[in-house]
Amino acid sequence: MNLLDRYIHEVGRHLPRKNRSDIQAELRSSFVDTLEDRFGQDASEEQTSELLKEFGQPRDVAASYHPQSQYLIGPTLYPIFRMVIWIVIAAVLGAQILAWGIGIFVDGDAFSVWEMLASLVASVPASLGWVVITFMILQYFDAKPDLENEPWDPTMLPEINPGQDTKRGELIVSLVFSTLILALITLFPQWVGFITFPGGNFYPNPVILDYLTLIQVSLLATILMDIYLLWKRSWTFLTRVIKLGLDAFGVVILAFLIQGHNAWLAANGSSSFMDWISTIESNNWEMVGMHAFRLAFVVAFIVTVIEILATIYRMVRSNMASDVSAKDFVLKVE
């Protein structure tokens, strides 16, 4: 039943976690009953494969358990689309509230409900529109008639490899964080900086503003990658390569930001660690904030490099495992 196990596992990757086990058990029971009724208890691998072809592709079988009322965004994408929509709404609202809070706290801006509503009316629909367009593109490239009509072979199902499955929780956290930061720096670039306590003085970060476009591109690419991985639910060699490219792009941006902060601090006579200590003692909070930003970017740089090395290691290990499996198969055949 190895072929059936692979089939059930593949169907499960396209099912919501809440009902996945029940649906898989129901599907397995239905298939086994049909197989035994037609071929008996000693059905061959070829007979199992023929019956799986009749059941259909795993993605289509999983989609049959979803509501069929979506049009621009199909049932396989709709659960992820709904989750991303709520994440984007929460991120935009969070960015708006944070920006309003900073404005009121720092500049003493008057609280205006109408201005808040007008800002939300302008930002929320625009953000949701980009999400819809993104999912429409994903739906378009996934629904290729020439590929959907090709004969489907169950023997081509991927082997069960838990190491290739994506971690949904991590992807959601990354998606929420990236969306919140992108909304904040796009809608309110004037508030990119830090506030001092006590006193409530706001200091903009000129270095981040210099590289704002690159940061926005990197965050947007990360969001699209997270959405794609949430949709596909597993890693492939290509997606790992793309992830490496995005991480490498992030490392370049972080290097620019670190160098930019070094130059800014040097120009203001406070580049070393001892200078940072002296700025704290003298209550020069602008310098303290810029030193803190530089330290944060250095830590992010190190963490990202470690992630790149870990991704390369996983790719090499996966390829070595595939080579070993292929050699074992050849030896068995011989």
C-alpha atoms as a PDB file:
ATOM      1  CA  MET A   1       0.000   0.000   0.000  1.00  0.00           C
ATOM      2  CA  ASN A   2       2.999   2.317  -0.361  1.00  0.00           C
ATOM      3  CA  LEU A   3       1.378   3.936  -3.395  1.00  0.00           C
ATOM      4  CA  LEU A   4      -1.852   4.504  -1.482  1.00  0.00           C
ATOM      5  CA  ASP A   5       0.059   5.962   1.483  1.00  0.00           C
ATOM      6  CA  ARG A   6       1.770   8.432  -0.822  1.00  0.00           C
ATOM      7  CA  TYR A   7      -1.561   9.342  -2.394  1.00  0.00           C
ATOM      8  CA  ILE A   8      -3.280   9.910   0.965  1.00  0.00           C
ATOM      9  CA  HIS A   9      -0.317  11.965   2.190  1.00  0.00           C
ATOM     10  CA  GLU A  10      -0.382  14.136  -0.931  1.00  0.00           C
ATOM     11  CA  VAL A  11      -4.117  14.751  -0.568  1.00  0.00           C
ATOM     12  CA  GLY A  12      -3.539  15.710   3.066  1.00  0.00           C
ATOM     13  CA  ARG A  13      -1.051  18.417   2.106  1.00  0.00           C
ATOM     14  CA  HIS A  14      -3.896  20.280   0.380  1.00  0.00           C
ATOM     15  CA  LEU A  15      -6.403  19.878   3.228  1.00  0.00           C
ATOM     16  CA  PRO A  16      -6.996  22.169   6.234  1.00  0.00           C
ATOM     17  CA  ARG A  17      -5.375  20.893   9.414  1.00  0.00           C
ATOM     18  CA  LYS A  18      -8.672  20.845  11.310  1.00  0.00           C
ATOM     19  CA  ASN A  19     -10.320  18.061   9.272  1.00  0.00           C
ATOM     20  CA  ARG A  20      -7.255  16.532   7.630  1.00  0.00           C
ATOM     21  CA  SER A  21      -7.079  13.286   9.617  1.00  0.00           C
ATOM     22  CA  ASP A  22     -10.794  12.555   9.312  1.00  0.00           C
ATOM     23  CA  ILE A  23     -10.846  13.180   5.579  1.00  0.00           C
ATOM     24  CA  GLN A  24      -7.725  11.084   5.019  1.00  0.00           C
ATOM     25  CA  ALA A  25      -9.216   8.194   7.014  1.00  0.00           C
ATOM     26  CA  GLU A  26     -12.481   8.435   5.093  1.00  0.00           C
ATOM     27  CA  LEU A  27     -10.666   8.550   1.762  1.00  0.00           C
ATOM     28  CA  ARG A  28      -8.455   5.581   2.662  1.00  0.00           C
ATOM     29  CA  SER A  29     -11.454   3.507   3.756  1.00  0.00           C
ATOM     30  CA  SER A  30     -13.366   4.347   0.588  1.00  0.00           C
ATOM     31  CA  PHE A  31     -10.417   3.472  -1.629  1.00  0.00           C
ATOM     32  CA  VAL A  32      -9.632   0.176   0.129  1.00  0.00           C
ATOM     33  CA  ASP A  33     -13.277  -0.902  -0.056  1.00  0.00           C
ATOM     34  CA  THR A  34     -13.462  -0.081  -3.753  1.00  0.00           C
ATOM     35  CA  LEU A  35     -10.151  -1.806  -4.446  1.00  0.00           C
ATOM     36  CA  GLU A  36     -11.174  -5.003  -2.654  1.00  0.00           C
ATOM     37  CA  ASP A  37     -14.598  -5.071  -4.309  1.00  0.00           C
ATOM     38  CA  ARG A  38     -13.046  -4.782  -7.733  1.00  0.00           C
ATOM     39  CA  PHE A  39      -9.794  -6.749  -7.477  1.00  0.00           C
ATOM     40  CA  GLY A  40      -9.977  -8.662  -4.201  1.00  0.00           C
ATOM     41  CA  GLN A  41      -7.619  -8.422  -1.228  1.00  0.00           C
ATOM     42  CA  ASP A  42      -4.489  -9.240  -3.250  1.00  0.00           C
ATOM     43  CA  ALA A  43      -4.642  -6.302  -5.652  1.00  0.00           C
ATOM     44  CA  SER A  44      -1.420  -5.556  -7.504  1.00  0.00           C
ATOM     45  CA  GLU A  45       0.434  -2.249  -7.681  1.00  0.00           C
ATOM     46  CA  GLU A  46      -0.776  -1.753 -11.258  1.00  0.00           C
ATOM     47  CA  GLN A  47      -4.405  -2.250 -10.235  1.00  0.00           C
ATOM     48  CA  THR A  48      -3.958   0.184  -7.359  1.00  0.00           C
ATOM     49  CA  SER A  49      -2.481   2.709  -9.762  1.00  0.00           C
ATOM     50  CA  GLU A  50      -5.386   2.323 -12.195  1.00  0.00           C
ATOM     51  CA  LEU A  51      -7.938   2.918  -9.445  1.00  0.00           C
ATOM     52  CA  LEU A  52      -6.032   5.966  -8.171  1.00  0.00           C
ATOM     53  CA  LYS A  53      -6.234   7.417 -11.669  1.00  0.00           C
ATOM     54  CA  GLU A  54     -10.009   7.082 -11.460  1.00  0.00           C
ATOM     55  CA  PHE A  55     -10.065   8.858  -8.112  1.00  0.00           C
ATOM     56  CA  GLY A  56      -8.167  11.773  -9.681  1.00  0.00           C
ATOM     57  CA  GLN A  57      -5.279  14.034  -8.807  1.00  0.00           C
ATOM     58  CA  PRO A  58      -4.708  14.631  -5.072  1.00  0.00           C
ATOM     59  CA  ARG A  59      -5.192  18.378  -5.418  1.00  0.00           C
ATOM     60  CA  ASP A  60      -8.566  17.905  -7.149  1.00  0.00           C
ATOM     61  CA  VAL A  61      -9.699  15.380  -4.541  1.00  0.00           C
ATOM     62  CA  ALA A  62      -8.758  17.781  -1.728  1.00  0.00           C
ATOM     63  CA  ALA A  63     -10.505  20.657  -3.498  1.00  0.00           C
ATOM     64  CA  SER A  64     -13.742  18.653  -3.574  1.00  0.00           C
ATOM     65  CA  TYR A  65     -13.919  19.032   0.213  1.00  0.00           C
ATOM     66  CA  HIS A  66     -13.850  22.834  -0.034  1.00  0.00           C
ATOM     67  CA  PRO A  67     -16.734  25.167  -0.928  1.00  0.00           C
ATOM     68  CA  GLN A  68     -16.997  25.585  -4.693  1.00  0.00           C
ATOM     69  CA  SER A  69     -18.399  29.139  -4.746  1.00  0.00           C
ATOM     70  CA  GLN A  70     -15.149  30.982  -5.496  1.00  0.00           C
ATOM     71  CA  TYR A  71     -14.445  32.246  -8.986  1.00  0.00           C
ATOM     72  CA  LEU A  72     -11.392  34.470  -9.376  1.00  0.00           C
ATOM     73  CA  ILE A  73      -9.620  32.533  -6.622  1.00  0.00           C
ATOM     74  CA  GLY A  74     -10.170  28.792  -6.679  1.00  0.00           C
ATOM     75  CA  PRO A  75     -10.904  26.480  -3.750  1.00  0.00           C
ATOM     76  CA  THR A  76      -7.299  25.329  -3.426  1.00  0.00           C
ATOM     77  CA  LEU A  77      -6.128  28.920  -2.876  1.00  0.00           C
ATOM     78  CA  TYR A  78      -9.117  30.369  -1.050  1.00  0.00           C
ATOM     79  CA  PRO A  79      -8.225  29.204   2.518  1.00  0.00           C
ATOM     80  CA  ILE A  80      -4.771  30.794   2.224  1.00  0.00           C
ATOM     81  CA  PHE A  81      -6.242  33.898   0.573  1.00  0.00           C
ATOM     82  CA  ARG A  82      -8.667  34.361   3.464  1.00  0.00           C
ATOM     83  CA  MET A  83      -5.869  34.014   6.011  1.00  0.00           C
ATOM     84  CA  VAL A  84      -3.617  36.489   4.164  1.00  0.00           C
ATOM     85  CA  ILE A  85      -6.472  38.994   3.836  1.00  0.00           C
ATOM     86  CA  TRP A  86      -6.946  39.088   7.600  1.00  0.00           C
ATOM     87  CA  ILE A  87      -3.191  39.349   8.138  1.00  0.00           C
ATOM     88  CA  VAL A  88      -2.976  42.308   5.748  1.00  0.00           C
ATOM     89  CA  ILE A  89      -5.955  44.062   7.357  1.00  0.00           C
ATOM     90  CA  ALA A  90      -4.442  43.587  10.816  1.00  0.00           C
ATOM     91  CA  ALA A  91      -1.022  44.781   9.606  1.00  0.00           C
ATOM     92  CA  VAL A  92      -2.412  47.910   7.935  1.00  0.00           C
ATOM     93  CA  LEU A  93      -4.549  48.757  10.966  1.00  0.00           C
ATOM     94  CA  GLY A  94      -1.574  48.137  13.247  1.00  0.00           C
ATOM     95  CA  ALA A  95       0.661  50.386  11.159  1.00  0.00           C
ATOM     96  CA  GLN A  96      -2.005  53.113  11.108  1.00  0.00           C
ATOM     97  CA  ILE A  97      -2.577  52.976  14.866  1.00  0.00           C
ATOM     98  CA  LEU A  98       1.169  53.000  15.548  1.00  0.00           C
ATOM     99  CA  ALA A  99       1.697  55.994  13.261  1.00  0.00           C
ATOM    100  CA  TRP A 100      -1.211  57.899  14.794  1.00  0.00           C
ATOM    101  CA  GLY A 101       0.078  57.135  18.269  1.00  0.00           C
ATOM    102  CA  ILE A 102       3.531  58.434  17.371  1.00  0.00           C
ATOM    103  CA  GLY A 103       2.063  61.566  15.834  1.00  0.00           C
ATOM    104  CA  ILE A 104      -0.094  62.321  18.865  1.00  0.00           C
ATOM    105  CA  PHE A 105       2.670  61.505  21.356  1.00  0.00           C
ATOM    106  CA  VAL A 106       5.497  63.363  19.614  1.00  0.00           C
ATOM    107  CA  ASP A 107       3.884  66.318  17.868  1.00  0.00           C
ATOM    108  CA  GLY A 108       0.676  66.562  19.879  1.00  0.00           C
ATOM    109  CA  ASP A 109      -1.435  66.216  16.732  1.00  0.00           C
ATOM    110  CA  ALA A 110      -5.155  66.656  17.309  1.00  0.00           C
ATOM    111  CA  PHE A 111      -7.134  63.431  17.250  1.00  0.00           C
ATOM    112  CA  SER A 112      -9.427  63.496  14.200  1.00  0.00           C
ATOM    113  CA  VAL A 113     -11.790  60.594  13.565  1.00  0.00           C
ATOM    114  CA  TRP A 114     -12.497  61.780  10.026  1.00  0.00           C
ATOM    115  CA  GLU A 115      -8.807  61.872   9.118  1.00  0.00           C
ATOM    116  CA  MET A 116      -8.377  58.369  10.517  1.00  0.00           C
ATOM    117  CA  LEU A 117     -11.318  57.064   8.506  1.00  0.00           C
ATOM    118  CA  ALA A 118     -10.088  58.792   5.354  1.00  0.00           C
ATOM    119  CA  SER A 119      -6.648  57.264   5.802  1.00  0.00           C
ATOM    120  CA  LEU A 120      -8.142  53.794   6.297  1.00  0.00           C
ATOM    121  CA  VAL A 121     -10.391  54.170   3.253  1.00  0.00           C
ATOM    122  CA  ALA A 122      -7.325  55.002   1.171  1.00  0.00           C
ATOM    123  CA  SER A 123      -4.924  52.380   2.520  1.00  0.00           C
ATOM    124  CA  VAL A 124      -6.983  49.264   3.305  1.00  0.00           C
ATOM    125  CA  PRO A 125      -8.676  48.815  -0.122  1.00  0.00           C
ATOM    126  CA  ALA A 126      -5.376  49.444  -1.907  1.00  0.00           C
ATOM    127  CA  SER A 127      -3.614  46.816   0.200  1.00  0.00           C
ATOM    128  CA  LEU A 128      -6.416  44.292  -0.277  1.00  0.00           C
ATOM    129  CA  GLY A 129      -6.411  44.980  -3.999  1.00  0.00           C
ATOM    130  CA  TRP A 130      -2.767  43.986  -4.267  1.00  0.00           C
ATOM    131  CA  VAL A 131      -3.495  40.783  -2.348  1.00  0.00           C
ATOM    132  CA  VAL A 132      -6.342  39.911  -4.722  1.00  0.00           C
ATOM    133  CA  ILE A 133      -4.162  40.606  -7.765  1.00  0.00           C
ATOM    134  CA  THR A 134      -1.396  38.423  -6.334  1.00  0.00           C
ATOM    135  CA  PHE A 135      -3.736  35.482  -5.796  1.00  0.00           C
ATOM    136  CA  MET A 136      -5.340  35.942  -9.202  1.00  0.00           C
ATOM    137  CA  ILE A 137      -1.874  35.612 -10.738  1.00  0.00           C
ATOM    138  CA  LEU A 138      -1.177  32.489  -8.675  1.00  0.00           C
ATOM    139  CA  GLN A 139      -4.519  31.023  -9.722  1.00  0.00           C
ATOM    140  CA  TYR A 140      -3.850  31.816 -13.380  1.00  0.00           C
ATOM    141  CA  PHE A 141      -0.472  30.121 -13.486  1.00  0.00           C
ATOM    142  CA  ASP A 142      -1.765  27.098 -11.577  1.00  0.00           C
ATOM    143  CA  ALA A 143      -4.771  26.542 -13.877  1.00  0.00           C
ATOM    144  CA  LYS A 144      -3.084  25.557 -17.137  1.00  0.00           C
ATOM    145  CA  PRO A 145      -5.497  23.602 -19.359  1.00  0.00           C
ATOM    146  CA  ASP A 146      -2.770  21.889 -21.309  1.00  0.00           C
ATOM    147  CA  LEU A 147      -1.269  20.510 -18.104  1.00  0.00           C
ATOM    148  CA  GLU A 148      -4.541  19.694 -16.356  1.00  0.00           C
ATOM    149  CA  ASN A 149      -5.671  17.506 -19.249  1.00  0.00           C
ATOM    150  CA  GLU A 150      -2.490  15.452 -19.399  1.00  0.00           C
ATOM    151  CA  PRO A 151      -2.741  11.834 -18.172  1.00  0.00           C
ATOM    152  CA  TRP A 152      -1.991  11.629 -14.472  1.00  0.00           C
ATOM    153  CA  ASP A 153       0.259   8.855 -13.205  1.00  0.00           C
ATOM    154  CA  PRO A 154       0.013   7.976  -9.464  1.00  0.00           C
ATOM    155  CA  THR A 155       3.468   6.393  -9.564  1.00  0.00           C
ATOM    156  CA  MET A 156       4.902   9.906  -9.995  1.00  0.00           C
ATOM    157  CA  LEU A 157       3.677  10.976  -6.545  1.00  0.00           C
ATOM    158  CA  PRO A 158       6.534  12.357  -4.403  1.00  0.00           C
ATOM    159  CA  GLU A 159       7.923  10.177  -1.646  1.00  0.00           C
ATOM    160  CA  ILE A 160       6.833  10.986   1.919  1.00  0.00           C
ATOM    161  CA  ASN A 161       9.555  13.251   3.287  1.00  0.00           C
ATOM    162  CA  PRO A 162       8.589  15.246   6.400  1.00  0.00           C
ATOM    163  CA  GLY A 163      11.792  17.265   6.058  1.00  0.00           C
ATOM    164  CA  GLN A 164      10.441  18.854   2.878  1.00  0.00           C
ATOM    165  CA  ASP A 165       7.199  20.040   4.505  1.00  0.00           C
ATOM    166  CA  THR A 166       6.986  23.739   5.319  1.00  0.00           C
ATOM    167  CA  LYS A 167       6.434  24.952   8.884  1.00  0.00           C
ATOM    168  CA  ARG A 168       3.111  26.754   8.702  1.00  0.00           C
ATOM    169  CA  GLY A 169       3.522  28.614  11.997  1.00  0.00           C
ATOM    170  CA  GLU A 170       6.886  30.088  11.018  1.00  0.00           C
ATOM    171  CA  LEU A 171       5.553  31.169   7.632  1.00  0.00           C
ATOM    172  CA  ILE A 172       2.561  32.894   9.214  1.00  0.00           C
ATOM    173  CA  VAL A 173       4.773  34.751  11.715  1.00  0.00           C
ATOM    174  CA  SER A 174       7.086  35.829   8.886  1.00  0.00           C
ATOM    175  CA  LEU A 175       4.109  36.923   6.790  1.00  0.00           C
ATOM    176  CA  VAL A 176       2.586  38.973   9.623  1.00  0.00           C
ATOM    177  CA  PHE A 177       5.894  40.644  10.517  1.00  0.00           C
ATOM    178  CA  SER A 178       6.855  41.429   6.907  1.00  0.00           C
ATOM    179  CA  THR A 179       3.389  42.793   6.084  1.00  0.00           C
ATOM    180  CA  LEU A 180       3.328  45.002   9.181  1.00  0.00           C
ATOM    181  CA  ILE A 181       6.775  46.463   8.494  1.00  0.00           C
ATOM    182  CA  LEU A 182       6.008  46.974   4.783  1.00  0.00           C
ATOM    183  CA  ALA A 183       2.737  48.747   5.601  1.00  0.00           C
ATOM    184  CA  LEU A 184       4.444  50.972   8.158  1.00  0.00           C
ATOM    185  CA  ILE A 185       7.384  52.098   6.023  1.00  0.00           C
ATOM    186  CA  THR A 186       5.213  52.521   2.923  1.00  0.00           C
ATOM    187  CA  LEU A 187       2.289  54.410   4.452  1.00  0.00           C
ATOM    188  CA  PHE A 188       4.267  56.383   7.047  1.00  0.00           C
ATOM    189  CA  PRO A 189       7.911  56.743   5.959  1.00  0.00           C
ATOM    190  CA  GLN A 190       8.132  59.963   7.977  1.00  0.00           C
ATOM    191  CA  TRP A 191       7.907  57.895  11.167  1.00  0.00           C
ATOM    192  CA  VAL A 192      10.819  55.585  10.371  1.00  0.00           C
ATOM    193  CA  GLY A 193      13.047  56.230  13.358  1.00  0.00           C
ATOM    194  CA  PHE A 194      12.876  56.045  17.148  1.00  0.00           C
ATOM    195  CA  ILE A 195      11.335  57.828  20.131  1.00  0.00           C
ATOM    196  CA  THR A 196      13.226  58.635  23.316  1.00  0.00           C
ATOM    197  CA  PHE A 197      11.873  58.157  26.818  1.00  0.00           C
ATOM    198  CA  PRO A 198      11.484  60.244  28.853  1.00  0.00           C
ATOM    199  CA  GLY A 199      10.705  63.330  26.803  1.00  0.00           C
ATOM    200  CA  GLY A 200       9.077  61.746  23.777  1.00  0.00           C
ATOM    201  CA  ASN A 201      11.461  63.219  21.212  1.00  0.00           C
ATOM    202  CA  PHE A 202      11.330  61.576  17.793  1.00  0.00           C
ATOM    203  CA  TYR A 203      14.456  61.107  15.679  1.00  0.00           C
ATOM    204  CA  PRO A 204      14.131  59.944  12.062  1.00  0.00           C
ATOM    205  CA  ASN A 205      16.653  57.440  10.751  1.00  0.00           C
ATOM    206  CA  PRO A 206      18.130  58.950   7.581  1.00  0.00           C
ATOM    207  CA  VAL A 207      20.077  55.798   6.687  1.00  0.00           C
ATOM    208  CA  ILE A 208      16.961  53.623   6.465  1.00  0.00           C
ATOM    209  CA  LEU A 209      15.232  56.267   4.350  1.00  0.00           C
ATOM    210  CA  ASP A 210      18.140  56.153   1.884  1.00  0.00           C
ATOM    211  CA  TYR A 211      17.546  52.429   1.279  1.00  0.00           C
ATOM    212  CA  LEU A 212      13.758  52.443   1.691  1.00  0.00           C
ATOM    213  CA  THR A 213      13.023  51.208  -1.844  1.00  0.00           C
ATOM    214  CA  LEU A 214      15.366  48.224  -1.528  1.00  0.00           C
ATOM    215  CA  ILE A 215      13.811  47.316   1.826  1.00  0.00           C
ATOM    216  CA  GLN A 216      10.314  47.499   0.341  1.00  0.00           C
ATOM    217  CA  VAL A 217      11.286  45.254  -2.577  1.00  0.00           C
ATOM    218  CA  SER A 218      12.857  42.715  -0.214  1.00  0.00           C
ATOM    219  CA  LEU A 219       9.812  42.656   2.091  1.00  0.00           C
ATOM    220  CA  LEU A 220       7.385  42.322  -0.822  1.00  0.00           C
ATOM    221  CA  ALA A 221       9.378  39.434  -2.286  1.00  0.00           C
ATOM    222  CA  THR A 222       9.441  37.739   1.128  1.00  0.00           C
ATOM    223  CA  ILE A 223       5.663  38.124   1.477  1.00  0.00           C
ATOM    224  CA  LEU A 224       5.052  36.601  -1.957  1.00  0.00           C
ATOM    225  CA  MET A 225       7.410  33.729  -1.136  1.00  0.00           C
ATOM    226  CA  ASP A 226       5.639  33.051   2.172  1.00  0.00           C
ATOM    227  CA  ILE A 227       2.253  33.023   0.435  1.00  0.00           C
ATOM    228  CA  TYR A 228       3.536  30.618  -2.203  1.00  0.00           C
ATOM    229  CA  LEU A 229       4.985  28.255   0.413  1.00  0.00           C
ATOM    230  CA  LEU A 230       1.764  28.356   2.433  1.00  0.00           C
ATOM    231  CA  TRP A 231      -0.030  27.367  -0.739  1.00  0.00           C
ATOM    232  CA  LYS A 232       2.305  24.564  -1.797  1.00  0.00           C
ATOM    233  CA  ARG A 233       2.992  23.319   1.772  1.00  0.00           C
ATOM    234  CA  SER A 234       6.362  21.814   0.871  1.00  0.00           C
ATOM    235  CA  TRP A 235       9.854  22.795  -0.187  1.00  0.00           C
ATOM    236  CA  THR A 236      11.348  21.983  -3.556  1.00  0.00           C
ATOM    237  CA  PHE A 237      14.841  22.494  -4.883  1.00  0.00           C
ATOM    238  CA  LEU A 238      13.651  25.547  -6.845  1.00  0.00           C
ATOM    239  CA  THR A 239      11.941  27.203  -3.873  1.00  0.00           C
ATOM    240  CA  ARG A 240      15.034  26.668  -1.733  1.00  0.00           C
ATOM    241  CA  VAL A 241      17.151  28.310  -4.440  1.00  0.00           C
ATOM    242  CA  ILE A 242      14.733  31.247  -4.565  1.00  0.00           C
ATOM    243  CA  LYS A 243      14.835  31.477  -0.759  1.00  0.00           C
ATOM    244  CA  LEU A 244      18.628  31.544  -0.943  1.00  0.00           C
ATOM    245  CA  GLY A 245      18.420  34.380  -3.450  1.00  0.00           C
ATOM    246  CA  LEU A 246      16.050  36.374  -1.238  1.00  0.00           C
ATOM    247  CA  ASP A 247      18.254  35.821   1.809  1.00  0.00           C
ATOM    248  CA  ALA A 248      21.326  36.865  -0.169  1.00  0.00           C
ATOM    249  CA  PHE A 249      19.487  40.006  -1.296  1.00  0.00           C
ATOM    250  CA  GLY A 250      18.614  40.670   2.342  1.00  0.00           C
ATOM    251  CA  VAL A 251      22.261  40.267   3.350  1.00  0.00           C
ATOM    252  CA  VAL A 252      23.274  42.852   0.742  1.00  0.00           C
ATOM    253  CA  ILE A 253      20.680  45.316   2.047  1.00  0.00           C
ATOM    254  CA  LEU A 254      21.774  44.720   5.640  1.00  0.00           C
ATOM    255  CA  ALA A 255      25.391  45.306   4.616  1.00  0.00           C
ATOM    256  CA  PHE A 256      24.361  48.628   3.031  1.00  0.00           C
ATOM    257  CA  LEU A 257      22.473  49.600   6.188  1.00  0.00           C
ATOM    258  CA  ILE A 258      25.379  48.689   8.465  1.00  0.00           C
ATOM    259  CA  GLN A 259      27.831  50.600   6.296  1.00  0.00           C
ATOM    260  CA  GLY A 260      25.449  53.553   6.132  1.00  0.00           C
ATOM    261  CA  HIS A 261      25.144  53.676   9.914  1.00  0.00           C
ATOM    262  CA  ASN A 262      28.919  53.381  10.256  1.00  0.00           C
ATOM    263  CA  ALA A 263      29.368  56.366   7.943  1.00  0.00           C
ATOM    264  CA  TRP A 264      26.677  58.418   9.715  1.00  0.00           C
ATOM    265  CA  LEU A 265      28.104  57.692  13.169  1.00  0.00           C
ATOM    266  CA  ALA A 266      31.664  58.398  12.016  1.00  0.00           C
ATOM    267  CA  ALA A 267      30.545  61.710  10.528  1.00  0.00           C
ATOM    268  CA  ASN A 268      29.014  62.605  13.884  1.00  0.00           C
ATOM    269  CA  GLY A 269      32.078  61.527  15.867  1.00  0.00           C
ATOM    270  CA  SER A 270      30.608  58.431  17.506  1.00  0.00           C
ATOM    271  CA  SER A 271      31.639  55.269  15.669  1.00  0.00           C
ATOM    272  CA  SER A 272      33.161  52.952  18.313  1.00  0.00           C
ATOM    273  CA  PHE A 273      31.569  50.965  21.133  1.00  0.00           C
ATOM    274  CA  MET A 274      33.196  53.226  23.739  1.00  0.00           C
ATOM    275  CA  ASP A 275      31.642  56.204  21.981  1.00  0.00           C
ATOM    276  CA  TRP A 276      28.259  54.501  22.419  1.00  0.00           C
ATOM    277  CA  ILE A 277      28.875  54.206  26.179  1.00  0.00           C
ATOM    278  CA  SER A 278      29.776  57.866  26.386  1.00  0.00           C
ATOM    279  CA  THR A 279      26.656  58.907  24.450  1.00  0.00           C
ATOM    280  CA  ILE A 280      24.510  57.015  26.963  1.00  0.00           C
ATOM    281  CA  GLU A 281      26.240  58.759  29.848  1.00  0.00           C
ATOM    282  CA  SER A 282      25.757  62.147  28.183  1.00  0.00           C
ATOM    283  CA  ASN A 283      22.105  61.414  27.310  1.00  0.00           C
ATOM    284  CA  ASN A 284      22.733  61.903  23.591  1.00  0.00           C
ATOM    285  CA  TRP A 285      19.727  59.786  22.649  1.00  0.00           C
ATOM    286  CA  GLU A 286      19.971  60.345  18.919  1.00  0.00           C
ATOM    287  CA  MET A 287      23.414  58.724  18.882  1.00  0.00           C
ATOM    288  CA  VAL A 288      22.202  55.957  21.198  1.00  0.00           C
ATOM    289  CA  GLY A 289      19.347  55.211  18.823  1.00  0.00           C
ATOM    290  CA  MET A 290      21.587  55.073  15.763  1.00  0.00           C
ATOM    291  CA  HIS A 291      24.023  52.769  17.583  1.00  0.00           C
ATOM    292  CA  ALA A 292      21.078  50.537  18.556  1.00  0.00           C
ATOM    293  CA  PHE A 293      19.894  50.382  14.952  1.00  0.00           C
ATOM    294  CA  ARG A 294      23.387  49.432  13.797  1.00  0.00           C
ATOM    295  CA  LEU A 295      23.615  46.680  16.414  1.00  0.00           C
ATOM    296  CA  ALA A 296      20.206  45.321  15.375  1.00  0.00           C
ATOM    297  CA  PHE A 297      21.246  45.201  11.728  1.00  0.00           C
ATOM    298  CA  VAL A 298      24.520  43.450  12.622  1.00  0.00           C
ATOM    299  CA  VAL A 299      22.582  40.775  14.529  1.00  0.00           C
ATOM    300  CA  ALA A 300      20.137  40.406  11.623  1.00  0.00           C
ATOM    301  CA  PHE A 301      23.090  40.100   9.230  1.00  0.00           C
ATOM    302  CA  ILE A 302      24.624  37.262  11.269  1.00  0.00           C
ATOM    303  CA  VAL A 303      21.288  35.444  11.649  1.00  0.00           C
ATOM    304  CA  THR A 304      20.564  35.693   7.917  1.00  0.00           C
ATOM    305  CA  VAL A 305      23.996  34.347   6.995  1.00  0.00           C
ATOM    306  CA  ILE A 306      23.415  31.403   9.355  1.00  0.00           C
ATOM    307  CA  GLU A 307      20.039  30.770   7.690  1.00  0.00           C
ATOM    308  CA  ILE A 308      21.711  30.766   4.272  1.00  0.00           C
ATOM    309  CA  LEU A 309      24.285  28.218   5.427  1.00  0.00           C
ATOM    310  CA  ALA A 310      21.518  26.082   6.976  1.00  0.00           C
ATOM    311  CA  THR A 311      19.534  26.171   3.723  1.00  0.00           C
ATOM    312  CA  ILE A 312      22.586  25.132   1.713  1.00  0.00           C
ATOM    313  CA  TYR A 313      23.205  22.285   4.166  1.00  0.00           C
ATOM    314  CA  ARG A 314      19.617  21.056   3.843  1.00  0.00           C
ATOM    315  CA  MET A 315      19.840  21.176   0.048  1.00  0.00           C
ATOM    316  CA  VAL A 316      23.104  19.214   0.006  1.00  0.00           C
ATOM    317  CA  ARG A 317      21.774  16.667   2.500  1.00  0.00           C
ATOM    318  CA  SER A 318      18.576  16.229   0.483  1.00  0.00           C
ATOM    319  CA  ASN A 319      20.519  15.714  -2.743  1.00  0.00           C
ATOM    320  CA  MET A 320      22.831  13.196  -1.070  1.00  0.00           C
ATOM    321  CA  ALA A 321      19.816  11.290   0.265  1.00  0.00           C
ATOM    322  CA  SER A 322      18.314  11.225  -3.226  1.00  0.00           C
ATOM    323  CA  ASP A 323      21.572   9.913  -4.683  1.00  0.00           C
ATOM    324  CA  VAL A 324      21.747   7.167  -2.054  1.00  0.00           C
ATOM    325  CA  SER A 325      18.163   6.117  -2.768  1.00  0.00           C
ATOM    326  CA  ALA A 326      18.886   5.986  -6.487  1.00  0.00           C
ATOM    327  CA  LYS A 327      21.973   3.833  -5.926  1.00  0.00           C
ATOM    328  CA  ASP A 328      20.016   1.470  -3.677  1.00  0.00           C
ATOM    329  CA  PHE A 329      17.401   1.115  -6.376  1.00  0.00           C
ATOM    330  CA  VAL A 330      20.023   0.312  -9.006  1.00  0.00           C
ATOM    331  CA  LEU A 331      21.619  -2.307  -6.747  1.00  0.00           C
ATOM    332  CA  LYS A 332      18.258  -3.945  -6.104  1.00  0.00           C
ATOM    333  CA  VAL A 333      17.496  -4.097  -9.820  1.00  0.00           C
ATOM    334  CA  GLU A 334      20.889  -5.616 -10.582  1.00  0.00           C
END
